[in-house]
Amino acid sequence: MTLVSRNDYDLSNINLINFHSIIRTEGEKIVGLEFCVNHRLLPPIISHDCLYCDGLMKPRFQARYKFGVRFGCNKCEKVINISQDTWFFNSKLDIEKNLLLIYLWTMKIPANKVGPAVGLNKNTITDWFNFIRDVRRFI
């Protein structure tokens, strides 16, 4: 997989239309994944030492995986989600909806307007916006 450089995404003049084109899903969700890796929201997709043994964790790409990739050990066969220890780890939403909700929150769009556009109910949106606000306090 080839990742684009961080400079390929100019975030200075972003709006909803060009933001959506940056995070859209293509094939195995690689576009949103590239965005997250390039902006350090997810770890680099490179082989690294296994956390459980002395084996090597290699990226495994499959469309059925939530983010399109997981790391698997060639020795003990343990599998680690790429989102482990990140904002996205316990999320049931795909990467694009996660990013879209963060973007809409930063734009101060009310939850009742966001719900229909994203396909989630107002209570879910409110919970997400509260979570984003709480996390933002620590940044």
Protein backbone atom coordinates (compact mmCIF):
# COMPACT_ATOMS: atom_id res chain seq x y z
CA MET A 1 0.00 0.00 0.00
CA THR A 2 1.31 3.45 -0.85
CA LEU A 3 0.50 6.25 1.54
CA VAL A 4 0.49 9.83 0.38
CA SER A 5 2.63 12.43 2.11
CA ARG A 6 1.21 14.56 4.92
CA ASN A 7 1.48 17.59 2.64
CA ASP A 8 -1.03 16.13 0.18
CA TYR A 9 -3.87 17.13 2.52
CA ASP A 10 -4.01 20.90 2.92
CA LEU A 11 -6.27 21.46 5.91
CA SER A 12 -6.05 25.25 5.87
CA ASN A 13 -9.00 25.86 3.53
CA ILE A 14 -11.12 22.84 4.33
CA ASN A 15 -14.89 22.76 3.90
CA LEU A 16 -17.48 19.99 4.07
CA ILE A 17 -17.18 19.11 0.39
CA ASN A 18 -13.40 18.82 0.17
CA PHE A 19 -13.26 17.23 3.64
CA HIS A 20 -15.65 14.51 2.51
CA SER A 21 -13.51 13.88 -0.58
CA ILE A 22 -10.45 13.42 1.67
CA ILE A 23 -12.10 10.80 3.92
CA ARG A 24 -14.37 9.01 1.43
CA THR A 25 -14.30 5.24 1.26
CA GLU A 26 -12.69 3.64 -1.76
CA GLY A 27 -12.26 -0.10 -1.94
CA GLU A 28 -10.79 -1.17 1.39
CA LYS A 29 -11.26 2.17 3.20
CA ILE A 30 -7.72 3.18 2.33
CA VAL A 31 -8.41 6.90 1.75
CA GLY A 32 -9.67 7.59 5.29
CA LEU A 33 -6.97 5.31 6.64
CA GLU A 34 -4.25 7.27 4.80
CA PHE A 35 -5.63 10.51 6.19
CA CYS A 36 -5.52 9.16 9.76
CA VAL A 37 -2.02 7.72 9.42
CA ASN A 38 -0.67 10.88 7.78
CA HIS A 39 -2.13 13.04 10.55
CA ARG A 40 -0.95 10.67 13.30
CA LEU A 41 -4.44 9.66 14.40
CA LEU A 42 -3.47 6.03 13.73
CA PRO A 43 -0.04 4.38 13.88
CA PRO A 44 2.10 3.90 10.75
CA ILE A 45 1.28 0.80 8.73
CA ILE A 46 4.68 -0.83 9.03
CA SER A 47 5.87 -4.11 10.47
CA HIS A 48 6.93 -3.97 14.12
CA ASP A 49 7.87 -6.26 17.01
CA CYS A 50 5.08 -8.39 18.47
CA LEU A 51 3.83 -7.32 21.89
CA TYR A 52 3.41 -10.95 22.97
CA CYS A 53 6.47 -12.81 21.64
CA ASP A 54 9.66 -12.18 19.69
CA GLY A 55 7.83 -12.43 16.37
CA LEU A 56 7.08 -9.74 13.79
CA MET A 57 3.69 -8.02 13.51
CA LYS A 58 2.90 -7.39 9.84
CA PRO A 59 -0.01 -5.44 8.39
CA ARG A 60 -2.83 -7.58 6.99
CA PHE A 61 -5.22 -5.85 4.61
CA GLN A 62 -8.81 -7.07 4.32
CA ALA A 63 -11.96 -5.17 3.42
CA ARG A 64 -13.86 -6.96 6.22
CA TYR A 65 -11.67 -5.33 8.89
CA LYS A 66 -13.16 -2.19 10.38
CA PHE A 67 -10.27 -0.01 9.20
CA GLY A 68 -9.19 -2.25 6.34
CA VAL A 69 -6.01 -3.38 8.13
CA ARG A 70 -4.86 -5.22 11.25
CA PHE A 71 -1.46 -6.33 12.46
CA GLY A 72 -0.82 -10.06 12.76
CA CYS A 73 2.17 -11.86 14.28
CA ASN A 74 3.97 -14.34 12.06
CA LYS A 75 4.98 -16.42 15.11
CA CYS A 76 2.26 -16.49 17.82
CA GLU A 77 -0.54 -15.48 15.39
CA LYS A 78 -1.94 -12.79 17.72
CA VAL A 79 -3.87 -10.06 15.92
CA ILE A 80 -3.96 -6.40 16.95
CA ASN A 81 -6.40 -3.84 15.63
CA ILE A 82 -4.70 -0.78 14.11
CA SER A 83 -6.94 1.42 16.26
CA GLN A 84 -5.73 -0.08 19.55
CA ASP A 85 -4.86 2.67 22.06
CA THR A 86 -6.36 5.38 19.82
CA TRP A 87 -9.50 7.49 19.75
CA PHE A 88 -11.12 5.00 17.37
CA PHE A 89 -10.57 1.79 19.37
CA ASN A 90 -13.99 1.28 20.97
CA SER A 91 -15.95 3.09 18.30
CA LYS A 92 -18.64 1.17 16.47
CA LEU A 93 -18.58 3.74 13.68
CA ASP A 94 -16.38 3.46 10.63
CA ILE A 95 -13.41 5.77 10.18
CA GLU A 96 -15.24 8.14 7.84
CA LYS A 97 -18.15 8.74 10.25
CA ASN A 98 -15.72 9.26 13.13
CA LEU A 99 -13.83 11.91 11.20
CA LEU A 100 -17.00 13.52 9.88
CA LEU A 101 -18.43 13.86 13.40
CA ILE A 102 -15.21 15.45 14.63
CA TYR A 103 -15.26 17.87 11.70
CA LEU A 104 -18.94 18.78 12.18
CA TRP A 105 -18.35 19.33 15.92
CA THR A 106 -15.47 21.72 15.14
CA MET A 107 -17.79 23.59 12.78
CA LYS A 108 -20.33 23.93 15.66
CA ILE A 109 -23.12 22.28 13.68
CA PRO A 110 -26.01 21.43 16.09
CA ALA A 111 -26.61 17.73 16.84
CA ASN A 112 -30.17 17.87 15.47
CA LYS A 113 -28.80 19.00 12.07
CA VAL A 114 -25.94 16.47 12.03
CA GLY A 115 -28.04 13.36 12.75
CA PRO A 116 -29.94 13.15 9.46
CA ALA A 117 -26.83 13.94 7.41
CA VAL A 118 -24.76 11.24 9.09
CA GLY A 119 -27.54 8.68 9.54
CA LEU A 120 -27.42 8.60 13.36
CA ASN A 121 -30.03 9.66 15.89
CA LYS A 122 -29.74 12.89 17.89
CA ASN A 123 -28.90 11.09 21.15
CA THR A 124 -25.95 9.29 19.53
CA ILE A 125 -24.70 12.54 18.01
CA THR A 126 -25.04 14.31 21.38
CA ASP A 127 -23.08 11.52 23.08
CA TRP A 128 -20.34 11.77 20.45
CA PHE A 129 -20.17 15.56 20.66
CA ASN A 130 -19.88 15.32 24.46
CA PHE A 131 -17.12 12.74 24.09
CA ILE A 132 -15.27 14.94 21.59
CA ARG A 133 -15.64 17.93 23.92
CA ASP A 134 -14.30 15.90 26.87
CA VAL A 135 -11.31 14.64 24.89
CA ARG A 136 -10.64 18.16 23.58
CA ARG A 137 -10.13 19.37 27.16
CA PHE A 138 -7.02 17.18 27.42
CA ILE A 139 -5.41 18.30 24.16
